[in-house]
């Protein structure tokens, strides 16, 4: 505690003694500390008040908000609930309690808190807006829509409510109505970056590519650092068949996310991520692709990896707690794009020249459900270039509990060769892809000791999944590939239900009820699986050799949009 902090502390304690009979005067002093951002002093003041009178609702409310600001959600929820229980007629207490409950993921409880705030003050706009958001997160879309419409009735110039209404309408497949809502939001607030971006997504889905591009550009004019809008602009340029512009957008997105790094703020890391990053840096050093200035970072990764390594024979999970001191050893380099390899397009074409495209289309279209595979998808040169890019580029920043790590278009995975592959597939197999254009692409690297992707479906029309690790790395030629189920995700299920690890049990139960059948396609290098993206699918059992160069790598391309209910 420095001299100024000590002076303020002594003053606070002095006033506490002086105003022992006047809690309100002391509370005002504490609140001034809170408002000024002197959180330590404010917290001590709130707790002094509560030591004297535990039932002071204003102190409980203030402490709850302070704890929320500090990220202590559980105690914040408890303190705000105490304040509400004491002063049952205060709508502000109910609203703020709802905010913290919603942040804590307790959505049903948040709905109740917002509802009570509205009962106490029917013209209180903020809880109505948040109530709509809570309904939306609960997938209670008609109720969310009605709530936003009521906000607009009470306050017609509420731009955010118009934007939120558009989101709910779009999720219900009402694209024209959603576009109208976004346009009303923009009319009220011309620099509403999110509304411009959302309007662009609707226009893109409707096939109005040029208008979508203008919307994304307006979003970026309003908010130049809006990475989502820049990424969406890249997708729109793909649809406009302007690969250089698309690549520019994706690279700018990746650079803003990773080129300068970002602090590591999580209190846990994945063992699989530490292992991969340490192995990749060693791979780059061995090939002279990374400068010696990164040796210290590599050493820190190795030390941390050894520190969290489980005992032999242990069934310890992948996620491990890490101390702030350990985190500081690897931040911010942990999330920095240290090396990005070249991966240029191939003049002669990226797909194998001898593909029997007529036979591939016939197989796909004649199967129910639509599933087929192609062996020898890429030319030898394309396979070599793409594999080396995946091995040497430090773009693998998205990590998962099951031990795989991902690289997406906006992470640096966008390359001229990848976009060439995506477009050649569409052009050479028009009977499969039709008017569907690329909407997303990624690659996953897998840890040989862990399971891979859980069962899910993707929000697209056609899914292309191909593998690029040599066959000799696979210890079991009968597995290691993909399992596709012959049932589409129900049309009334939302994305979080059909594409969420937490929904795994529900999906399996539903598939059993439907008498679903598994279609297993074993792993082969340069094999591509093409299937209806609505079909549930999962990674087959993985048994690959240890070692960085043996990691199973799959590339996924998604085309079009999921069929609307």
Protein backbone atom coordinates (compact mmCIF):
# COMPACT_ATOMS: atom_id res chain seq x y z
CA UNK A 1 0.00 0.00 0.00
CA UNK A 2 1.53 3.34 -1.06
CA UNK A 3 1.30 6.61 0.90
CA UNK A 4 -1.79 7.90 -0.93
CA UNK A 5 -3.64 4.59 -0.53
CA UNK A 6 -2.72 4.53 3.17
CA UNK A 7 -4.01 8.08 3.59
CA UNK A 8 -7.33 7.19 1.97
CA UNK A 9 -7.59 4.04 4.08
CA UNK A 10 -7.00 5.95 7.31
CA UNK A 11 -9.56 8.53 6.22
CA UNK A 12 -12.07 5.81 5.49
CA UNK A 13 -11.61 4.16 8.88
CA UNK A 14 -11.74 7.52 10.57
CA UNK A 15 -15.02 8.35 8.90
CA UNK A 16 -16.34 4.94 9.83
CA UNK A 17 -15.74 5.73 13.48
CA UNK A 18 -17.05 9.25 13.14
CA UNK A 19 -20.19 8.21 11.32
CA UNK A 20 -20.92 5.06 13.21
CA UNK A 21 -24.42 6.34 13.76
CA UNK A 22 -24.74 7.61 10.21
CA UNK A 23 -24.32 4.69 7.82
CA UNK A 24 -25.51 6.67 4.85
CA UNK A 25 -22.65 9.16 5.08
CA UNK A 26 -20.10 6.39 5.28
CA UNK A 27 -21.79 4.51 2.43
CA UNK A 28 -21.53 7.59 0.20
CA UNK A 29 -17.78 7.71 0.83
CA UNK A 30 -17.46 4.02 -0.04
CA UNK A 31 -19.50 4.48 -3.20
CA UNK A 32 -17.23 7.35 -4.26
CA UNK A 33 -14.25 4.97 -3.97
CA UNK A 34 -16.20 2.43 -6.04
CA UNK A 35 -17.07 4.95 -8.74
CA UNK A 36 -13.46 6.15 -8.90
CA UNK A 37 -12.20 2.60 -9.47
CA UNK A 38 -10.49 2.30 -6.08
CA UNK A 39 -11.90 -1.18 -5.68
CA UNK A 40 -9.75 -2.40 -2.78
CA UNK A 41 -10.81 0.54 -0.62
CA UNK A 42 -14.41 0.23 -1.71
CA UNK A 43 -14.53 -3.48 -0.91
CA UNK A 44 -13.06 -2.92 2.54
CA UNK A 45 -15.63 -0.20 3.14
CA UNK A 46 -18.58 -2.35 2.08
CA UNK A 47 -17.40 -5.17 4.30
CA UNK A 48 -16.92 -2.82 7.27
CA UNK A 49 -20.50 -1.67 6.84
CA UNK A 50 -21.75 -5.23 6.63
CA UNK A 51 -19.76 -6.25 9.69
CA UNK A 52 -21.70 -3.56 11.56
CA UNK A 53 -25.09 -4.26 9.94
CA UNK A 54 -25.28 -7.39 7.76
CA UNK A 55 -28.74 -6.44 6.53
CA UNK A 56 -27.73 -3.18 4.83
CA UNK A 57 -29.17 -3.73 1.31
CA UNK A 58 -27.24 -0.89 -0.34
CA UNK A 59 -23.94 -2.25 0.96
CA UNK A 60 -24.85 -5.77 -0.15
CA UNK A 61 -25.85 -4.45 -3.58
CA UNK A 62 -22.68 -2.36 -3.93
CA UNK A 63 -20.45 -5.24 -2.83
CA UNK A 64 -22.21 -7.57 -5.27
CA UNK A 65 -21.57 -5.19 -8.19
CA UNK A 66 -17.94 -4.80 -7.15
CA UNK A 67 -17.43 -8.55 -6.93
CA UNK A 68 -19.04 -8.94 -10.37
CA UNK A 69 -16.60 -6.37 -11.74
CA UNK A 70 -13.75 -8.42 -10.29
CA UNK A 71 -15.03 -11.65 -11.80
CA UNK A 72 -16.12 -13.29 -8.54
CA UNK A 73 -19.47 -14.34 -9.94
CA UNK A 74 -20.57 -16.84 -7.30
CA UNK A 75 -20.24 -14.43 -4.36
CA UNK A 76 -21.63 -11.59 -6.47
CA UNK A 77 -24.79 -13.62 -7.16
CA UNK A 78 -25.13 -14.42 -3.45
CA UNK A 79 -24.70 -10.82 -2.27
CA UNK A 80 -27.16 -9.42 -4.80
CA UNK A 81 -29.70 -12.09 -3.86
CA UNK A 82 -29.35 -11.01 -0.20
CA UNK A 83 -29.95 -7.38 -1.17
CA UNK A 84 -33.10 -8.37 -3.11
CA UNK A 85 -34.39 -10.45 -0.19
CA UNK A 86 -34.10 -7.47 2.16
CA UNK A 87 -35.47 -4.80 -0.18
CA UNK A 88 -38.06 -6.61 -2.26
CA UNK A 89 -39.40 -3.48 -3.99
CA UNK A 90 -36.20 -2.24 -5.65
CA UNK A 91 -36.26 -2.92 -9.42
CA UNK A 92 -32.60 -1.91 -9.81
CA UNK A 93 -31.55 -4.67 -7.42
CA UNK A 94 -33.56 -7.17 -9.47
CA UNK A 95 -32.09 -5.94 -12.75
CA UNK A 96 -28.47 -6.09 -11.59
CA UNK A 97 -29.04 -9.49 -10.02
CA UNK A 98 -30.32 -10.65 -13.42
CA UNK A 99 -27.23 -9.26 -15.16
CA UNK A 100 -24.89 -11.23 -12.90
CA UNK A 101 -27.03 -14.38 -13.08
CA UNK A 102 -26.97 -14.17 -16.87
CA UNK A 103 -23.21 -13.70 -16.89
CA UNK A 104 -22.90 -16.76 -14.64
CA UNK A 105 -24.92 -18.84 -17.11
CA UNK A 106 -27.95 -19.10 -14.81
CA UNK A 107 -30.36 -18.06 -17.52
CA UNK A 108 -33.65 -19.28 -16.04
CA UNK A 109 -32.88 -17.45 -12.80
CA UNK A 110 -31.95 -14.35 -14.78
CA UNK A 111 -35.32 -14.48 -16.56
CA UNK A 112 -37.07 -14.48 -13.17
CA UNK A 113 -34.99 -11.54 -11.93
CA UNK A 114 -35.66 -9.45 -15.04
CA UNK A 115 -39.34 -10.34 -14.87
CA UNK A 116 -39.54 -9.10 -11.28
CA UNK A 117 -37.78 -5.84 -12.20
CA UNK A 118 -40.35 -5.29 -14.96
CA UNK A 119 -43.23 -6.03 -12.56
CA UNK A 120 -41.89 -3.39 -10.18
CA UNK A 121 -41.35 -0.84 -12.95
CA UNK A 122 -43.16 -1.69 -16.22
CA UNK A 123 -41.44 1.12 -18.12
CA UNK A 124 -37.93 0.04 -17.08
CA UNK A 125 -36.36 -0.65 -20.48
CA UNK A 126 -33.03 -2.23 -19.55
CA UNK A 127 -34.43 -5.40 -17.93
CA UNK A 128 -36.76 -5.91 -20.91
CA UNK A 129 -33.79 -5.74 -23.29
CA UNK A 130 -31.79 -8.19 -21.21
CA UNK A 131 -34.82 -10.44 -20.82
CA UNK A 132 -34.98 -10.72 -24.60
CA UNK A 133 -31.29 -11.63 -24.65
CA UNK A 134 -31.84 -14.30 -22.00
CA UNK A 135 -34.77 -15.78 -23.93
CA UNK A 136 -32.60 -15.80 -27.06
CA UNK A 137 -29.79 -17.62 -25.22
CA UNK A 138 -32.36 -20.14 -23.94
CA UNK A 139 -33.55 -20.64 -27.54
CA UNK A 140 -37.02 -19.42 -26.57
CA UNK A 141 -37.13 -17.46 -29.80
CA UNK A 142 -40.85 -16.50 -29.97
CA UNK A 143 -40.63 -15.10 -26.43
CA UNK A 144 -37.41 -13.25 -27.29
CA UNK A 145 -39.10 -11.78 -30.36
CA UNK A 146 -42.15 -10.65 -28.36
CA UNK A 147 -39.90 -9.08 -25.70
CA UNK A 148 -37.87 -7.08 -28.22
CA UNK A 149 -41.09 -5.96 -29.93
CA UNK A 150 -42.39 -4.71 -26.57
CA UNK A 151 -39.15 -2.77 -26.01
CA UNK A 152 -39.61 -1.17 -29.43
CA UNK A 153 -43.25 -0.31 -28.62
CA UNK A 154 -42.14 1.44 -25.44
CA UNK A 155 -39.08 3.05 -27.03
CA UNK A 156 -39.29 3.10 -30.83
CA UNK A 157 -35.84 4.65 -31.21
CA UNK A 158 -34.08 1.78 -29.36
CA UNK A 159 -31.57 0.78 -32.06
CA UNK A 160 -30.20 -2.17 -30.12
CA UNK A 161 -33.67 -3.70 -29.75
CA UNK A 162 -34.20 -3.49 -33.51
CA UNK A 163 -30.84 -5.20 -34.08
CA UNK A 164 -31.61 -7.92 -31.55
CA UNK A 165 -35.02 -8.46 -33.10
CA UNK A 166 -33.27 -8.98 -36.43
CA UNK A 167 -31.03 -11.65 -34.90
CA UNK A 168 -34.03 -13.58 -33.58
CA UNK A 169 -35.94 -13.27 -36.85
CA UNK A 170 -32.92 -14.52 -38.81
CA UNK A 171 -32.58 -17.53 -36.52
CA UNK A 172 -36.20 -18.35 -37.29
CA UNK A 173 -35.46 -18.23 -41.01
CA UNK A 174 -37.35 -14.95 -41.61
CA UNK A 175 -34.60 -13.31 -43.63
CA UNK A 176 -36.62 -10.46 -45.19
CA UNK A 177 -38.03 -9.42 -41.82
CA UNK A 178 -34.58 -9.66 -40.24
CA UNK A 179 -33.12 -7.41 -42.94
CA UNK A 180 -35.86 -4.85 -42.29
CA UNK A 181 -35.08 -4.88 -38.55
CA UNK A 182 -31.37 -4.35 -39.17
CA UNK A 183 -32.13 -1.47 -41.55
CA UNK A 184 -34.29 0.20 -38.89
CA UNK A 185 -31.45 -0.15 -36.38
CA UNK A 186 -29.05 1.46 -38.87
CA UNK A 187 -31.50 4.29 -39.63
CA UNK A 188 -31.59 5.08 -35.92
CA UNK A 189 -27.85 4.63 -35.43
CA UNK A 190 -25.93 4.92 -38.72
CA UNK A 191 -22.66 3.76 -37.16
CA UNK A 192 -24.15 0.61 -35.62
CA UNK A 193 -21.35 -1.75 -36.71
CA UNK A 194 -23.04 -4.94 -35.53
CA UNK A 195 -26.27 -4.13 -37.40
CA UNK A 196 -24.31 -3.46 -40.62
CA UNK A 197 -22.51 -6.79 -40.16
CA UNK A 198 -25.73 -8.67 -39.43
CA UNK A 199 -27.43 -7.14 -42.46
CA UNK A 200 -24.46 -8.26 -44.56
CA UNK A 201 -24.91 -11.86 -43.38
CA UNK A 202 -28.57 -11.85 -44.39
CA UNK A 203 -27.80 -10.30 -47.78
CA UNK A 204 -25.08 -12.87 -48.37
CA UNK A 205 -27.41 -15.74 -47.56
CA UNK A 206 -29.99 -14.24 -49.93
CA UNK A 207 -27.40 -14.15 -52.71
CA UNK A 208 -26.97 -10.34 -52.78
CA UNK A 209 -23.19 -10.53 -52.66
CA UNK A 210 -22.33 -6.99 -53.75
CA UNK A 211 -24.77 -5.48 -51.24
CA UNK A 212 -23.36 -7.75 -48.53
CA UNK A 213 -19.84 -6.51 -49.29
CA UNK A 214 -20.99 -2.92 -48.89
CA UNK A 215 -22.62 -3.75 -45.54
CA UNK A 216 -19.47 -5.40 -44.18
CA UNK A 217 -17.39 -2.45 -45.39
CA UNK A 218 -19.74 -0.04 -43.58
CA UNK A 219 -19.38 -2.12 -40.41
CA UNK A 220 -15.61 -1.74 -40.69
CA UNK A 221 -15.87 1.98 -41.35
CA UNK A 222 -17.84 2.30 -38.12
CA UNK A 223 -15.51 -0.03 -36.22
CA UNK A 224 -12.15 -0.65 -38.00
CA UNK A 225 -11.12 -3.30 -35.47
CA UNK A 226 -14.26 -5.40 -35.93
CA UNK A 227 -12.66 -8.76 -36.73
CA UNK A 228 -15.93 -10.62 -37.32
CA UNK A 229 -16.99 -8.15 -40.01
CA UNK A 230 -13.57 -8.36 -41.68
CA UNK A 231 -13.79 -12.16 -41.69
CA UNK A 232 -17.31 -12.04 -43.17
CA UNK A 233 -16.07 -9.62 -45.80
CA UNK A 234 -13.47 -12.23 -46.75
CA UNK A 235 -16.21 -14.85 -47.20
CA UNK A 236 -18.18 -12.41 -49.35
CA UNK A 237 -15.14 -11.80 -51.56
CA UNK A 238 -14.88 -15.58 -52.05
CA UNK A 239 -18.47 -15.57 -53.23
CA UNK A 240 -17.56 -12.66 -55.50
CA UNK A 241 -14.72 -14.87 -56.84
CA UNK A 242 -12.08 -12.33 -55.86
CA UNK A 243 -9.47 -14.50 -54.13
CA UNK A 244 -6.85 -11.74 -53.58
CA UNK A 245 -9.37 -9.57 -51.73
CA UNK A 246 -10.56 -12.55 -49.67
CA UNK A 247 -7.00 -13.44 -48.70
CA UNK A 248 -6.30 -9.85 -47.72
CA UNK A 249 -9.28 -9.83 -45.34
CA UNK A 250 -8.40 -13.16 -43.76
CA UNK A 251 -4.76 -12.21 -43.29
CA UNK A 252 -5.68 -8.89 -41.71
CA UNK A 253 -8.03 -10.75 -39.36
CA UNK A 254 -5.28 -13.20 -38.39
CA UNK A 255 -2.71 -10.47 -37.90
CA UNK A 256 -4.99 -8.50 -35.62
CA UNK A 257 -5.61 -11.62 -33.52
CA UNK A 258 -2.18 -13.18 -33.38
CA UNK A 259 0.67 -11.20 -34.96
CA UNK A 260 1.29 -9.15 -31.82
CA UNK A 261 0.20 -11.84 -29.42
CA UNK A 262 -2.24 -11.42 -26.60
CA UNK A 263 -1.95 -12.01 -22.85
CA UNK A 264 -2.74 -15.44 -21.49
CA UNK A 265 -5.53 -14.82 -19.02
CA UNK A 266 -6.96 -18.31 -18.52
CA UNK A 267 -6.25 -20.06 -15.25
CA UNK A 268 -5.85 -23.38 -17.05
CA UNK A 269 -4.21 -24.73 -20.18
CA UNK A 270 -4.46 -27.99 -22.07
CA UNK A 271 -1.61 -30.47 -21.84
CA UNK A 272 -2.16 -31.31 -25.50
CA UNK A 273 -1.65 -27.67 -26.52
CA UNK A 274 1.59 -27.33 -24.55
CA UNK A 275 2.86 -30.57 -26.07
CA UNK A 276 2.01 -29.53 -29.63
CA UNK A 277 3.50 -26.05 -29.39
CA UNK A 278 6.75 -27.30 -27.88
CA UNK A 279 7.04 -29.96 -30.61
CA UNK A 280 6.25 -27.49 -33.38
CA UNK A 281 8.89 -25.02 -32.23
CA UNK A 282 11.48 -27.83 -32.15
CA UNK A 283 10.42 -28.76 -35.69
CA UNK A 284 10.91 -25.17 -36.84
CA UNK A 285 14.27 -24.79 -35.11
CA UNK A 286 15.54 -28.02 -36.71
CA UNK A 287 14.71 -26.64 -40.16
CA UNK A 288 16.07 -23.17 -39.57
CA UNK A 289 12.61 -21.62 -39.93
CA UNK A 290 12.56 -19.86 -36.56
CA UNK A 291 15.08 -17.41 -35.11
CA UNK A 292 17.05 -17.96 -31.93
CA UNK A 293 15.15 -15.16 -30.22
CA UNK A 294 12.37 -17.69 -29.58
CA UNK A 295 14.56 -20.19 -27.72
CA UNK A 296 13.59 -18.73 -24.35
CA UNK A 297 9.91 -19.14 -25.14
CA UNK A 298 10.51 -22.75 -26.21
CA UNK A 299 12.36 -23.44 -22.96
CA UNK A 300 9.47 -21.96 -20.96
CA UNK A 301 7.00 -24.23 -22.78
CA UNK A 302 9.14 -27.28 -22.01
CA UNK A 303 9.41 -26.34 -18.32
CA UNK A 304 5.68 -25.82 -18.03
CA UNK A 305 4.95 -29.03 -19.92
CA UNK A 306 7.18 -31.01 -17.55
CA UNK A 307 5.53 -29.31 -14.58
CA UNK A 308 2.00 -30.41 -15.57
CA UNK A 309 2.89 -33.85 -16.95
CA UNK A 310 0.75 -36.49 -15.22
CA UNK A 311 2.32 -39.42 -13.42
CA UNK A 312 2.84 -42.61 -15.39
CA UNK A 313 -0.38 -44.56 -15.71
CA UNK A 314 -2.45 -41.61 -14.51
CA UNK A 315 -5.87 -40.96 -16.02
CA UNK A 316 -5.53 -37.22 -15.43
CA UNK A 317 -7.58 -34.97 -17.68
CA UNK A 318 -6.32 -32.66 -20.37
CA UNK A 319 -7.11 -29.37 -18.64
CA UNK A 320 -4.63 -28.38 -15.91
CA UNK A 321 -4.53 -25.33 -13.61
CA UNK A 322 -1.57 -23.03 -14.12
CA UNK A 323 -0.29 -20.39 -11.73
CA UNK A 324 -0.10 -16.73 -12.77
CA UNK A 325 3.71 -16.94 -12.53
CA UNK A 326 3.78 -19.90 -14.95
CA UNK A 327 1.42 -18.13 -17.32
CA UNK A 328 3.66 -15.10 -17.43
CA UNK A 329 6.51 -17.30 -18.67
CA UNK A 330 4.66 -18.06 -21.89
CA UNK A 331 2.55 -14.93 -22.43
CA UNK A 332 2.11 -13.29 -24.89
CA UNK A 333 4.10 -15.53 -27.24
CA UNK A 334 1.73 -18.40 -26.52
CA UNK A 335 -0.85 -16.89 -28.84
CA UNK A 336 1.46 -15.25 -31.34
CA UNK A 337 1.82 -16.17 -35.00
CA UNK A 338 5.58 -16.74 -35.02
CA UNK A 339 5.89 -18.28 -38.49
CA UNK A 340 3.54 -18.36 -41.47
CA UNK A 341 4.70 -20.56 -44.35
CA UNK A 342 3.93 -19.87 -47.99
CA UNK A 343 1.26 -22.05 -49.61
CA UNK A 344 0.65 -20.79 -53.12
CA UNK A 345 -1.85 -22.00 -55.69
CA UNK A 346 -0.78 -24.48 -58.37
CA UNK A 347 -1.10 -23.41 -61.99
CA UNK A 348 -1.89 -26.93 -63.23
CA UNK A 349 -4.66 -27.35 -60.65
CA UNK A 350 -4.82 -28.54 -57.04
CA UNK A 351 -7.15 -31.53 -57.46
CA UNK A 352 -5.93 -34.74 -59.03
CA UNK A 353 -6.35 -34.51 -62.80
CA UNK A 354 -7.77 -38.04 -63.18
CA UNK A 355 -10.76 -37.71 -60.80
CA UNK A 356 -13.83 -39.37 -62.27
CA UNK A 357 -16.14 -36.50 -61.39
CA UNK A 358 -19.21 -38.01 -63.08
CA UNK A 359 -18.89 -41.20 -61.02
CA UNK A 360 -18.32 -39.22 -57.80
CA UNK A 361 -21.46 -37.14 -58.38
CA UNK A 362 -23.48 -40.24 -59.23
CA UNK A 363 -22.41 -42.02 -56.03
CA UNK A 364 -23.18 -39.00 -53.86
CA UNK A 365 -26.58 -38.25 -55.36
CA UNK A 366 -27.71 -41.89 -55.40
CA UNK A 367 -27.03 -42.54 -51.70
CA UNK A 368 -29.56 -41.88 -48.98
CA UNK A 369 -28.25 -40.18 -46.98
CA UNK A 370 -25.73 -38.36 -49.19
CA UNK A 371 -22.32 -39.75 -48.27
CA UNK A 372 -19.38 -40.75 -50.43
CA UNK A 373 -15.61 -40.58 -50.38
CA UNK A 374 -12.87 -39.81 -52.88
CA UNK A 375 -9.41 -41.40 -52.79
CA UNK A 376 -6.52 -39.41 -54.20
CA UNK A 377 -8.29 -36.06 -53.97
CA UNK A 378 -5.27 -33.76 -54.32
CA UNK A 379 -2.37 -33.78 -56.69
CA UNK A 380 0.89 -34.91 -55.11
CA UNK A 381 2.23 -31.36 -55.18
CA UNK A 382 -0.89 -29.89 -53.59
CA UNK A 383 -0.80 -32.53 -50.85
CA UNK A 384 2.89 -31.83 -50.17
CA UNK A 385 2.43 -28.04 -50.03
CA UNK A 386 -0.63 -28.15 -47.80
CA UNK A 387 0.94 -30.64 -45.40
CA UNK A 388 4.13 -28.61 -45.04
CA UNK A 389 2.08 -25.48 -44.44
CA UNK A 390 0.16 -27.21 -41.63
CA UNK A 391 3.35 -28.56 -40.10
CA UNK A 392 5.31 -25.33 -40.03
CA UNK A 393 2.77 -22.50 -39.61
CA UNK A 394 2.13 -21.47 -36.01
CA UNK A 395 -1.58 -20.83 -36.51
CA UNK A 396 -2.95 -23.51 -34.17
CA UNK A 397 -4.55 -21.37 -31.48
CA UNK A 398 -7.95 -22.96 -30.82
CA UNK A 399 -7.61 -25.85 -28.39
CA UNK A 400 -10.18 -28.35 -27.17
CA UNK A 401 -10.70 -30.66 -24.21
CA UNK A 402 -10.47 -33.78 -26.40
CA UNK A 403 -6.87 -32.99 -27.34
CA UNK A 404 -7.24 -31.59 -30.85
CA UNK A 405 -6.27 -28.07 -31.86
CA UNK A 406 -7.69 -26.00 -34.67
CA UNK A 407 -6.72 -23.38 -37.22
CA UNK A 408 -9.44 -21.40 -38.99
CA UNK A 409 -9.56 -19.06 -41.97
CA UNK A 410 -9.35 -16.07 -39.65
CA UNK A 411 -6.39 -17.60 -37.75
CA UNK A 412 -4.04 -17.69 -40.74
CA UNK A 413 -5.26 -20.93 -42.33
CA UNK A 414 -6.49 -19.07 -45.42
CA UNK A 415 -3.97 -19.63 -48.21
CA UNK A 416 -4.12 -19.35 -52.00
CA UNK A 417 -3.88 -23.14 -52.28
CA UNK A 418 -6.68 -23.82 -49.80
CA UNK A 419 -9.06 -21.43 -51.55
CA UNK A 420 -8.04 -22.97 -54.87
CA UNK A 421 -8.95 -26.45 -53.57
CA UNK A 422 -12.31 -25.18 -52.30
CA UNK A 423 -13.21 -23.51 -55.60
CA UNK A 424 -12.00 -26.41 -57.80
CA UNK A 425 -14.20 -28.80 -55.84
CA UNK A 426 -17.22 -26.62 -56.44
CA UNK A 427 -16.51 -26.19 -60.14
CA UNK A 428 -15.64 -29.79 -60.90
CA UNK A 429 -18.56 -31.26 -58.93
CA UNK A 430 -21.48 -28.91 -59.73
CA UNK A 431 -24.00 -31.71 -59.26
CA UNK A 432 -23.05 -31.89 -55.57
CA UNK A 433 -22.38 -28.28 -54.71
CA UNK A 434 -24.81 -26.46 -56.99
CA UNK A 435 -25.09 -22.84 -55.87
CA UNK A 436 -23.50 -23.55 -52.47
CA UNK A 437 -20.38 -21.50 -51.84
CA UNK A 438 -17.64 -21.83 -49.22
CA UNK A 439 -18.78 -20.53 -45.81
CA UNK A 440 -16.06 -21.84 -43.48
CA UNK A 441 -12.85 -23.87 -43.47
CA UNK A 442 -10.53 -25.19 -40.80
CA UNK A 443 -7.98 -27.85 -40.01
CA UNK A 444 -7.59 -29.93 -36.86
CA UNK A 445 -4.50 -31.64 -35.51
CA UNK A 446 -5.09 -34.49 -33.13
CA UNK A 447 -3.23 -35.86 -30.13
CA UNK A 448 -2.73 -39.60 -30.57
CA UNK A 449 -3.66 -40.25 -26.95
CA UNK A 450 -7.04 -38.53 -27.01
CA UNK A 451 -10.41 -39.08 -28.57
CA UNK A 452 -10.99 -36.40 -31.22
CA UNK A 453 -14.25 -34.67 -32.14
CA UNK A 454 -17.45 -35.62 -30.37
CA UNK A 455 -20.65 -36.26 -32.27
CA UNK A 456 -22.20 -33.18 -33.90
CA UNK A 457 -23.65 -31.71 -37.09
CA UNK A 458 -22.50 -28.53 -38.85
CA UNK A 459 -24.41 -25.44 -39.91
CA UNK A 460 -23.89 -25.97 -43.64
CA UNK A 461 -25.27 -27.82 -46.67
CA UNK A 462 -22.26 -29.85 -47.88
CA UNK A 463 -19.29 -30.98 -45.79
CA UNK A 464 -15.92 -31.97 -47.26
CA UNK A 465 -13.47 -33.59 -44.86
CA UNK A 466 -10.06 -34.79 -46.08
CA UNK A 467 -6.91 -36.14 -44.44
CA UNK A 468 -3.28 -35.29 -45.19
CA UNK A 469 -1.09 -37.26 -42.74
CA UNK A 470 0.78 -40.23 -44.33
CA UNK A 471 -0.82 -43.64 -43.85
CA UNK A 472 2.22 -45.05 -42.07
CA UNK A 473 1.44 -42.82 -39.08
CA UNK A 474 -1.88 -44.64 -38.54
CA UNK A 475 -1.53 -47.70 -36.30
CA UNK A 476 -4.98 -49.08 -37.18
CA UNK A 477 -5.92 -48.89 -40.89
CA UNK A 478 -9.48 -49.96 -40.06
CA UNK A 479 -10.15 -46.82 -37.99
CA UNK A 480 -8.88 -43.29 -37.49
CA UNK A 481 -11.34 -41.83 -39.99
CA UNK A 482 -14.90 -40.59 -39.70
CA UNK A 483 -18.20 -42.01 -38.49
CA UNK A 484 -21.26 -40.55 -40.22
CA UNK A 485 -24.75 -41.40 -38.96
CA UNK A 486 -27.60 -41.79 -41.41
CA UNK A 487 -29.84 -39.27 -39.61
CA UNK A 488 -29.98 -35.52 -40.05
CA UNK A 489 -30.09 -33.27 -37.01
CA UNK A 490 -33.73 -32.35 -36.30
CA UNK A 491 -34.69 -29.15 -38.07
CA UNK A 492 -36.07 -27.61 -34.87
CA UNK A 493 -32.82 -28.10 -32.96
CA UNK A 494 -30.66 -25.00 -32.59
CA UNK A 495 -26.91 -24.86 -33.19
CA UNK A 496 -25.99 -25.32 -29.52
CA UNK A 497 -28.04 -28.50 -29.41
CA UNK A 498 -26.71 -30.23 -32.51
CA UNK A 499 -23.14 -28.82 -32.27
CA UNK A 500 -22.15 -28.91 -28.62
CA UNK A 501 -20.12 -31.32 -26.53
CA UNK A 502 -22.61 -30.90 -23.71
CA UNK A 503 -25.39 -32.28 -25.95
CA UNK A 504 -23.53 -35.52 -26.72
CA UNK A 505 -25.75 -37.68 -24.51
CA UNK A 506 -28.94 -36.21 -25.92
CA UNK A 507 -27.75 -36.78 -29.49
CA UNK A 508 -26.89 -40.43 -28.87
CA UNK A 509 -30.23 -40.98 -27.16
CA UNK A 510 -32.09 -39.44 -30.09
CA UNK A 511 -30.13 -41.51 -32.63
CA UNK A 512 -30.96 -44.69 -30.69
CA UNK A 513 -34.65 -43.77 -30.68
CA UNK A 514 -34.49 -43.25 -34.46
CA UNK A 515 -32.74 -46.57 -35.10
CA UNK A 516 -29.84 -44.70 -36.72
CA UNK A 517 -27.07 -46.55 -38.55
CA UNK A 518 -23.34 -45.76 -38.47
CA UNK A 519 -21.37 -45.36 -41.69
CA UNK A 520 -17.64 -45.72 -40.95
CA UNK A 521 -15.04 -44.46 -43.41
CA UNK A 522 -11.51 -45.54 -42.34
CA UNK A 523 -8.59 -43.16 -42.48
CA UNK A 524 -6.51 -42.90 -45.66
CA UNK A 525 -4.12 -40.15 -46.58
CA UNK A 526 -5.54 -37.93 -49.34
CA UNK A 527 -9.03 -39.39 -48.86
CA UNK A 528 -11.96 -36.96 -48.81
CA UNK A 529 -15.38 -37.67 -47.34
CA UNK A 530 -18.26 -35.69 -48.87
CA UNK A 531 -21.58 -35.72 -47.05
CA UNK A 532 -24.74 -33.82 -46.24
CA UNK A 533 -23.59 -31.55 -43.41
CA UNK A 534 -26.89 -31.99 -41.55
CA UNK A 535 -25.87 -35.59 -40.79
CA UNK A 536 -24.47 -36.31 -37.35
CA UNK A 537 -20.80 -37.31 -37.47
CA UNK A 538 -17.81 -37.83 -35.19
CA UNK A 539 -14.14 -38.77 -35.30
CA UNK A 540 -13.54 -42.50 -35.26
CA UNK A 541 -11.18 -44.00 -32.67
CA UNK A 542 -7.66 -42.63 -33.18
CA UNK A 543 -4.48 -44.68 -32.80
CA UNK A 544 -1.60 -42.83 -34.45
CA UNK A 545 2.12 -43.00 -33.76
CA UNK A 546 3.59 -40.52 -31.32
CA UNK A 547 5.64 -37.64 -32.67
CA UNK A 548 4.94 -34.27 -34.22
CA UNK A 549 5.07 -35.43 -37.84
CA UNK A 550 2.62 -38.28 -37.11
CA UNK A 551 -0.23 -36.11 -35.86
CA UNK A 552 -3.50 -36.79 -37.66
CA UNK A 553 -4.48 -33.70 -39.66
CA UNK A 554 -7.89 -33.27 -41.22
CA UNK A 555 -9.11 -30.34 -43.29
CA UNK A 556 -12.80 -29.40 -43.36
CA UNK A 557 -14.58 -27.25 -45.95
CA UNK A 558 -18.19 -26.18 -45.40
CA UNK A 559 -20.43 -25.01 -48.23
CA UNK A 560 -23.79 -23.29 -48.11
CA UNK A 561 -26.18 -22.92 -45.20
CA UNK A 562 -28.11 -25.41 -43.15
CA UNK A 563 -31.64 -25.95 -44.35
CA UNK A 564 -34.11 -23.79 -42.48
CA UNK A 565 -36.93 -25.34 -40.42
